[in-house]
């Protein structure tokens, strides 16, 4: 009985509970990161909506000019 208890208390790095704990920890980190990004985006969109719109406009213009250059080369 005593040896069985010792065996249960020993946690190997490849055991099932370890993987469960790791999975839940990573899931928690992902959720925290997602929430942080979401709130950051909400704040940025609320305060710097015009700046972001300008940035995306510039990006779209650059992409369209790059696309036109590629089509001209062909």
PDB file of N, CA and C in Angstrom:
ATOM      1  N   UNK A   1       0.838  -1.202   0.000  1.00  0.00           N
ATOM      2  CA  UNK A   1       0.000   0.000   0.000  1.00  0.00           C
ATOM      3  C   UNK A   1       0.876   1.257   0.000  1.00  0.00           C
ATOM      4  N   UNK A   2       1.920   1.213   0.818  1.00  0.00           N
ATOM      5  CA  UNK A   2       2.805   2.376   0.927  1.00  0.00           C
ATOM      6  C   UNK A   2       3.530   2.641  -0.395  1.00  0.00           C
ATOM      7  N   UNK A   3       3.992   1.569  -1.061  1.00  0.00           N
ATOM      8  CA  UNK A   3       4.705   1.727  -2.337  1.00  0.00           C
ATOM      9  C   UNK A   3       3.763   2.249  -3.424  1.00  0.00           C
ATOM     10  N   UNK A   4       2.499   1.817  -3.400  1.00  0.00           N
ATOM     11  CA  UNK A   4       1.506   2.280  -4.377  1.00  0.00           C
ATOM     12  C   UNK A   4       1.270   3.786  -4.211  1.00  0.00           C
ATOM     13  N   UNK A   5       1.203   4.232  -2.958  1.00  0.00           N
ATOM     14  CA  UNK A   5       1.012   5.653  -2.676  1.00  0.00           C
ATOM     15  C   UNK A   5       2.205   6.462  -3.200  1.00  0.00           C
ATOM     16  N   UNK A   6       3.404   5.921  -3.011  1.00  0.00           N
ATOM     17  CA  UNK A   6       4.611   6.588  -3.499  1.00  0.00           C
ATOM     18  C   UNK A   6       4.579   6.690  -5.019  1.00  0.00           C
ATOM     19  N   UNK A   7       4.151   5.612  -5.662  1.00  0.00           N
ATOM     20  CA  UNK A   7       4.091   5.578  -7.120  1.00  0.00           C
ATOM     21  C   UNK A   7       3.095   6.624  -7.653  1.00  0.00           C
ATOM     22  N   UNK A   8       1.992   6.805  -6.962  1.00  0.00           N
ATOM     23  CA  UNK A   8       0.978   7.769  -7.385  1.00  0.00           C
ATOM     24  C   UNK A   8       1.460   9.205  -7.187  1.00  0.00           C
ATOM     25  N   UNK A   9       2.191   9.438  -6.105  1.00  0.00           N
ATOM     26  CA  UNK A   9       2.642  10.798  -5.805  1.00  0.00           C
ATOM     27  C   UNK A   9       3.746  11.251  -6.763  1.00  0.00           C
ATOM     28  N   UNK A  10       4.491  10.291  -7.335  1.00  0.00           N
ATOM     29  CA  UNK A  10       5.564  10.631  -8.274  1.00  0.00           C
ATOM     30  C   UNK A  10       4.965  11.027  -9.622  1.00  0.00           C
ATOM     31  N   UNK A  11       5.300  12.228 -10.087  1.00  0.00           N
ATOM     32  CA  UNK A  11       4.762  12.724 -11.356  1.00  0.00           C
ATOM     33  C   UNK A  11       5.881  12.741 -12.394  1.00  0.00           C
ATOM     34  N   UNK A  12       5.772  11.874 -13.380  1.00  0.00           N
ATOM     35  CA  UNK A  12       6.759  11.839 -14.461  1.00  0.00           C
ATOM     36  C   UNK A  12       6.390  12.895 -15.505  1.00  0.00           C
ATOM     37  N   UNK A  13       7.358  13.415 -16.249  1.00  0.00           N
ATOM     38  CA  UNK A  13       7.052  14.464 -17.239  1.00  0.00           C
ATOM     39  C   UNK A  13       6.161  13.996 -18.387  1.00  0.00           C
ATOM     40  N   UNK A  14       6.007  12.673 -18.552  1.00  0.00           N
ATOM     41  CA  UNK A  14       5.180  12.150 -19.642  1.00  0.00           C
ATOM     42  C   UNK A  14       3.874  11.542 -19.139  1.00  0.00           C
ATOM     43  N   UNK A  15       3.461  11.927 -17.931  1.00  0.00           N
ATOM     44  CA  UNK A  15       2.228  11.368 -17.369  1.00  0.00           C
ATOM     45  C   UNK A  15       1.009  12.138 -17.877  1.00  0.00           C
ATOM     46  N   UNK A  16      -0.149  11.521 -17.777  1.00  0.00           N
ATOM     47  CA  UNK A  16      -1.396  12.120 -18.261  1.00  0.00           C
ATOM     48  C   UNK A  16      -1.769  13.396 -17.503  1.00  0.00           C
ATOM     49  N   UNK A  17      -1.696  13.421 -16.167  1.00  0.00           N
ATOM     50  CA  UNK A  17      -2.031  14.671 -15.440  1.00  0.00           C
ATOM     51  C   UNK A  17      -1.132  15.842 -15.821  1.00  0.00           C
ATOM     52  N   UNK A  18       0.131  15.562 -16.097  1.00  0.00           N
ATOM     53  CA  UNK A  18       1.066  16.618 -16.498  1.00  0.00           C
ATOM     54  C   UNK A  18       0.620  17.240 -17.817  1.00  0.00           C
ATOM     55  N   UNK A  19       0.241  16.396 -18.780  1.00  0.00           N
ATOM     56  CA  UNK A  19      -0.228  16.895 -20.074  1.00  0.00           C
ATOM     57  C   UNK A  19      -1.528  17.675 -19.926  1.00  0.00           C
ATOM     58  N   UNK A  20      -2.414  17.197 -19.056  1.00  0.00           N
ATOM     59  CA  UNK A  20      -3.674  17.912 -18.797  1.00  0.00           C
ATOM     60  C   UNK A  20      -3.389  19.297 -18.225  1.00  0.00           C
ATOM     61  N   UNK A  21      -2.499  19.346 -17.247  1.00  0.00           N
ATOM     62  CA  UNK A  21      -2.151  20.619 -16.610  1.00  0.00           C
ATOM     63  C   UNK A  21      -1.512  21.567 -17.622  1.00  0.00           C
ATOM     64  N   UNK A  22      -0.616  21.037 -18.441  1.00  0.00           N
ATOM     65  CA  UNK A  22       0.056  21.838 -19.463  1.00  0.00           C
ATOM     66  C   UNK A  22      -0.948  22.386 -20.469  1.00  0.00           C
ATOM     67  N   UNK A  23      -1.876  21.515 -20.891  1.00  0.00           N
ATOM     68  CA  UNK A  23      -2.899  21.911 -21.857  1.00  0.00           C
ATOM     69  C   UNK A  23      -3.781  23.024 -21.298  1.00  0.00           C
ATOM     70  N   UNK A  24      -4.227  22.855 -20.042  1.00  0.00           N
ATOM     71  CA  UNK A  24      -5.089  23.872 -19.430  1.00  0.00           C
ATOM     72  C   UNK A  24      -4.332  25.174 -19.200  1.00  0.00           C
ATOM     73  N   UNK A  25      -3.051  25.065 -18.857  1.00  0.00           N
ATOM     74  CA  UNK A  25      -2.221  26.257 -18.654  1.00  0.00           C
ATOM     75  C   UNK A  25      -2.066  27.032 -19.965  1.00  0.00           C
ATOM     76  N   UNK A  26      -1.794  26.304 -21.051  1.00  0.00           N
ATOM     77  CA  UNK A  26      -1.650  26.941 -22.362  1.00  0.00           C
ATOM     78  C   UNK A  26      -2.973  27.534 -22.833  1.00  0.00           C
ATOM     79  N   UNK A  27      -4.066  26.829 -22.548  1.00  0.00           N
ATOM     80  CA  UNK A  27      -5.396  27.324 -22.907  1.00  0.00           C
ATOM     81  C   UNK A  27      -5.696  28.621 -22.161  1.00  0.00           C
ATOM     82  N   UNK A  28      -5.343  28.645 -20.872  1.00  0.00           N
ATOM     83  CA  UNK A  28      -5.541  29.836 -20.044  1.00  0.00           C
ATOM     84  C   UNK A  28      -4.708  31.002 -20.581  1.00  0.00           C
ATOM     85  N   UNK A  29      -3.453  30.731 -20.913  1.00  0.00           N
ATOM     86  CA  UNK A  29      -2.582  31.767 -21.477  1.00  0.00           C
ATOM     87  C   UNK A  29      -3.150  32.303 -22.785  1.00  0.00           C
ATOM     88  N   UNK A  30      -3.647  31.393 -23.632  1.00  0.00           N
ATOM     89  CA  UNK A  30      -4.231  31.791 -24.919  1.00  0.00           C
ATOM     90  C   UNK A  30      -5.455  32.670 -24.700  1.00  0.00           C
ATOM     91  N   UNK A  31      -6.306  32.278 -23.751  1.00  0.00           N
ATOM     92  CA  UNK A  31      -7.513  33.062 -23.463  1.00  0.00           C
ATOM     93  C   UNK A  31      -7.155  34.444 -22.934  1.00  0.00           C
ATOM     94  N   UNK A  32      -6.161  34.502 -22.035  1.00  0.00           N
ATOM     95  CA  UNK A  32      -5.723  35.789 -21.478  1.00  0.00           C
ATOM     96  C   UNK A  32      -5.159  36.672 -22.593  1.00  0.00           C
ATOM     97  N   UNK A  33      -4.342  36.078 -23.457  1.00  0.00           N
ATOM     98  CA  UNK A  33      -3.764  36.811 -24.581  1.00  0.00           C
ATOM     99  C   UNK A  33      -4.820  37.306 -25.544  1.00  0.00           C
ATOM    100  N   UNK A  34      -5.805  36.444 -25.820  1.00  0.00           N
ATOM    101  CA  UNK A  34      -6.894  36.808 -26.730  1.00  0.00           C
ATOM    102  C   UNK A  34      -7.712  37.960 -26.157  1.00  0.00           C
ATOM    103  N   UNK A  35      -8.028  37.871 -24.859  1.00  0.00           N
ATOM    104  CA  UNK A  35      -8.796  38.938 -24.198  1.00  0.00           C
ATOM    105  C   UNK A  35      -8.006  40.246 -24.208  1.00  0.00           C
ATOM    106  N   UNK A  36      -6.710  40.154 -23.919  1.00  0.00           N
ATOM    107  CA  UNK A  36      -5.861  41.350 -23.907  1.00  0.00           C
ATOM    108  C   UNK A  36      -5.824  41.992 -25.291  1.00  0.00           C
ATOM    109  N   UNK A  37      -5.657  41.162 -26.322  1.00  0.00           N
ATOM    110  CA  UNK A  37      -5.633  41.681 -27.697  1.00  0.00           C
ATOM    111  C   UNK A  37      -6.976  42.294 -28.067  1.00  0.00           C
ATOM    112  N   UNK A  38      -8.059  41.636 -27.644  1.00  0.00           N
ATOM    113  CA  UNK A  38      -9.399  42.127 -27.954  1.00  0.00           C
ATOM    114  C   UNK A  38      -9.639  43.492 -27.316  1.00  0.00           C
ATOM    115  N   UNK A  39      -9.302  43.612 -26.013  1.00  0.00           N
ATOM    116  CA  UNK A  39      -9.488  44.887 -25.316  1.00  0.00           C
ATOM    117  C   UNK A  39      -8.581  45.966 -25.904  1.00  0.00           C
ATOM    118  N   UNK A  40      -7.343  45.581 -26.257  1.00  0.00           N
ATOM    119  CA  UNK A  40      -6.408  46.524 -26.876  1.00  0.00           C
ATOM    120  C   UNK A  40      -6.966  47.033 -28.203  1.00  0.00           C
ATOM    121  N   UNK A  41      -7.514  46.116 -28.999  1.00  0.00           N
ATOM    122  CA  UNK A  41      -8.100  46.500 -30.285  1.00  0.00           C
ATOM    123  C   UNK A  41      -9.303  47.411 -30.090  1.00  0.00           C
ATOM    124  N   UNK A  42     -10.126  47.097 -29.089  1.00  0.00           N
ATOM    125  CA  UNK A  42     -11.305  47.927 -28.804  1.00  0.00           C
ATOM    126  C   UNK A  42     -10.862  49.343 -28.442  1.00  0.00           C
ATOM    127  N   UNK A  43      -9.846  49.446 -27.570  1.00  0.00           N
ATOM    128  CA  UNK A  43      -9.341  50.758 -27.148  1.00  0.00           C
ATOM    129  C   UNK A  43      -8.739  51.500 -28.342  1.00  0.00           C
ATOM    130  N   UNK A  44      -7.937  50.791 -29.153  1.00  0.00           N
ATOM    131  CA  UNK A  44      -7.281  51.407 -30.311  1.00  0.00           C
ATOM    132  C   UNK A  44      -8.317  51.872 -31.326  1.00  0.00           C
ATOM    133  N   UNK A  45      -9.315  51.025 -31.590  1.00  0.00           N
ATOM    134  CA  UNK A  45     -10.355  51.383 -32.560  1.00  0.00           C
ATOM    135  C   UNK A  45     -11.158  52.575 -32.053  1.00  0.00           C
ATOM    136  N   UNK A  46     -11.397  52.605 -30.742  1.00  0.00           N
ATOM    137  CA  UNK A  46     -12.181  53.695 -30.161  1.00  0.00           C
ATOM    138  C   UNK A  46     -11.432  55.024 -30.251  1.00  0.00           C
ATOM    139  N   UNK A  47     -10.116  55.029 -29.976  1.00  0.00           N
ATOM    140  CA  UNK A  47      -9.363  56.282 -29.886  1.00  0.00           C
ATOM    141  C   UNK A  47      -8.592  56.631 -31.157  1.00  0.00           C
ATOM    142  N   UNK A  48      -8.110  55.616 -31.859  1.00  0.00           N
ATOM    143  CA  UNK A  48      -7.273  55.883 -33.041  1.00  0.00           C
ATOM    144  C   UNK A  48      -7.881  55.256 -34.288  1.00  0.00           C
ATOM    145  N   UNK A  49      -9.188  55.390 -34.427  1.00  0.00           N
ATOM    146  CA  UNK A  49      -9.876  54.777 -35.567  1.00  0.00           C
ATOM    147  C   UNK A  49      -9.388  55.373 -36.887  1.00  0.00           C
ATOM    148  N   UNK A  50      -9.238  56.696 -36.919  1.00  0.00           N
ATOM    149  CA  UNK A  50      -8.800  57.383 -38.138  1.00  0.00           C
ATOM    150  C   UNK A  50      -7.369  57.000 -38.503  1.00  0.00           C
ATOM    151  N   UNK A  51      -6.522  56.876 -37.476  1.00  0.00           N
ATOM    152  CA  UNK A  51      -5.124  56.494 -37.706  1.00  0.00           C
ATOM    153  C   UNK A  51      -5.050  55.093 -38.317  1.00  0.00           C
ATOM    154  N   UNK A  52      -5.832  54.163 -37.760  1.00  0.00           N
ATOM    155  CA  UNK A  52      -5.842  52.787 -38.268  1.00  0.00           C
ATOM    156  C   UNK A  52      -6.398  52.760 -39.686  1.00  0.00           C
ATOM    157  N   UNK A  53      -7.454  53.533 -39.921  1.00  0.00           N
ATOM    158  CA  UNK A  53      -8.055  53.607 -41.257  1.00  0.00           C
ATOM    159  C   UNK A  53      -7.021  54.122 -42.262  1.00  0.00           C
ATOM    160  N   UNK A  54      -6.260  55.138 -41.860  1.00  0.00           N
ATOM    161  CA  UNK A  54      -5.203  55.708 -42.701  1.00  0.00           C
ATOM    162  C   UNK A  54      -4.125  54.660 -42.989  1.00  0.00           C
ATOM    163  N   UNK A  55      -3.732  53.921 -41.940  1.00  0.00           N
ATOM    164  CA  UNK A  55      -2.702  52.884 -42.079  1.00  0.00           C
ATOM    165  C   UNK A  55      -3.150  51.808 -43.064  1.00  0.00           C
ATOM    166  N   UNK A  56      -4.402  51.348 -42.914  1.00  0.00           N
ATOM    167  CA  UNK A  56      -4.922  50.322 -43.814  1.00  0.00           C
ATOM    168  C   UNK A  56      -5.049  50.857 -45.239  1.00  0.00           C
ATOM    169  N   UNK A  57      -5.414  52.124 -45.366  1.00  0.00           N
ATOM    170  CA  UNK A  57      -5.497  52.762 -46.681  1.00  0.00           C
ATOM    171  C   UNK A  57      -4.135  52.749 -47.368  1.00  0.00           C
ATOM    172  N   UNK A  58      -3.096  53.128 -46.607  1.00  0.00           N
ATOM    173  CA  UNK A  58      -1.735  53.127 -47.140  1.00  0.00           C
ATOM    174  C   UNK A  58      -1.318  51.723 -47.565  1.00  0.00           C
ATOM    175  N   UNK A  59      -1.657  50.736 -46.715  1.00  0.00           N
ATOM    176  CA  UNK A  59      -1.307  49.338 -46.983  1.00  0.00           C
ATOM    177  C   UNK A  59      -1.990  48.846 -48.257  1.00  0.00           C
ATOM    178  N   UNK A  60      -3.276  49.190 -48.408  1.00  0.00           N
ATOM    179  CA  UNK A  60      -4.049  48.788 -49.589  1.00  0.00           C
ATOM    180  C   UNK A  60      -3.476  49.460 -50.839  1.00  0.00           C
ATOM    181  N   UNK A  61      -3.106  50.737 -50.712  1.00  0.00           N
ATOM    182  CA  UNK A  61      -2.515  51.460 -51.845  1.00  0.00           C
ATOM    183  C   UNK A  61      -1.189  50.833 -52.263  1.00  0.00           C
ATOM    184  N   UNK A  62      -0.358  50.503 -51.271  1.00  0.00           N
ATOM    185  CA  UNK A  62       0.932  49.873 -51.558  1.00  0.00           C
ATOM    186  C   UNK A  62       0.725  48.522 -52.237  1.00  0.00           C
ATOM    187  N   UNK A  63      -0.227  47.753 -51.711  1.00  0.00           N
ATOM    188  CA  UNK A  63      -0.496  46.423 -52.259  1.00  0.00           C
ATOM    189  C   UNK A  63      -0.999  46.525 -53.694  1.00  0.00           C
ATOM    190  N   UNK A  64      -1.877  47.503 -53.944  1.00  0.00           N
ATOM    191  CA  UNK A  64      -2.432  47.681 -55.294  1.00  0.00           C
ATOM    192  C   UNK A  64      -1.341  48.127 -56.272  1.00  0.00           C
ATOM    193  N   UNK A  65      -0.432  49.005 -55.818  1.00  0.00           N
ATOM    194  CA  UNK A  65       0.663  49.451 -56.692  1.00  0.00           C
ATOM    195  C   UNK A  65       1.622  48.296 -56.964  1.00  0.00           C
ATOM    196  N   UNK A  66       1.883  47.482 -55.940  1.00  0.00           N
ATOM    197  CA  UNK A  66       2.743  46.304 -56.091  1.00  0.00           C
ATOM    198  C   UNK A  66       2.116  45.312 -57.069  1.00  0.00           C
ATOM    199  N   UNK A  67       0.799  45.149 -56.941  1.00  0.00           N
ATOM    200  CA  UNK A  67       0.057  44.249 -57.821  1.00  0.00           C
ATOM    201  C   UNK A  67       0.118  44.748 -59.266  1.00  0.00           C
ATOM    202  N   UNK A  68      -0.052  46.058 -59.442  1.00  0.00           N
ATOM    203  CA  UNK A  68      -0.016  46.643 -60.793  1.00  0.00           C
ATOM    204  C   UNK A  68       1.382  46.500 -61.405  1.00  0.00           C
ATOM    205  N   UNK A  69       2.429  46.641 -60.576  1.00  0.00           N
ATOM    206  CA  UNK A  69       3.805  46.449 -61.057  1.00  0.00           C
ATOM    207  C   UNK A  69       4.017  45.012 -61.515  1.00  0.00           C
ATOM    208  N   UNK A  70       3.474  44.069 -60.737  1.00  0.00           N
ATOM    209  CA  UNK A  70       3.593  42.653 -61.087  1.00  0.00           C
ATOM    210  C   UNK A  70       2.881  42.357 -62.403  1.00  0.00           C
ATOM    211  N   UNK A  71       1.697  42.936 -62.578  1.00  0.00           N
ATOM    212  CA  UNK A  71       0.931  42.699 -63.812  1.00  0.00           C
ATOM    213  C   UNK A  71       1.614  43.372 -65.003  1.00  0.00           C
ATOM    214  N   UNK A  72       2.265  44.522 -64.774  1.00  0.00           N
ATOM    215  CA  UNK A  72       2.977  45.222 -65.852  1.00  0.00           C
ATOM    216  C   UNK A  72       4.184  44.408 -66.330  1.00  0.00           C
ATOM    217  N   UNK A  73       4.873  43.769 -65.366  1.00  0.00           N
ATOM    218  CA  UNK A  73       6.047  42.952 -65.697  1.00  0.00           C
ATOM    219  C   UNK A  73       5.653  41.774 -66.590  1.00  0.00           C
ATOM    220  N   UNK A  74       4.492  41.198 -66.321  1.00  0.00           N
ATOM    221  CA  UNK A  74       4.012  40.059 -67.121  1.00  0.00           C
ATOM    222  C   UNK A  74       3.629  40.540 -68.519  1.00  0.00           C
TER     223      UNK A  74
END
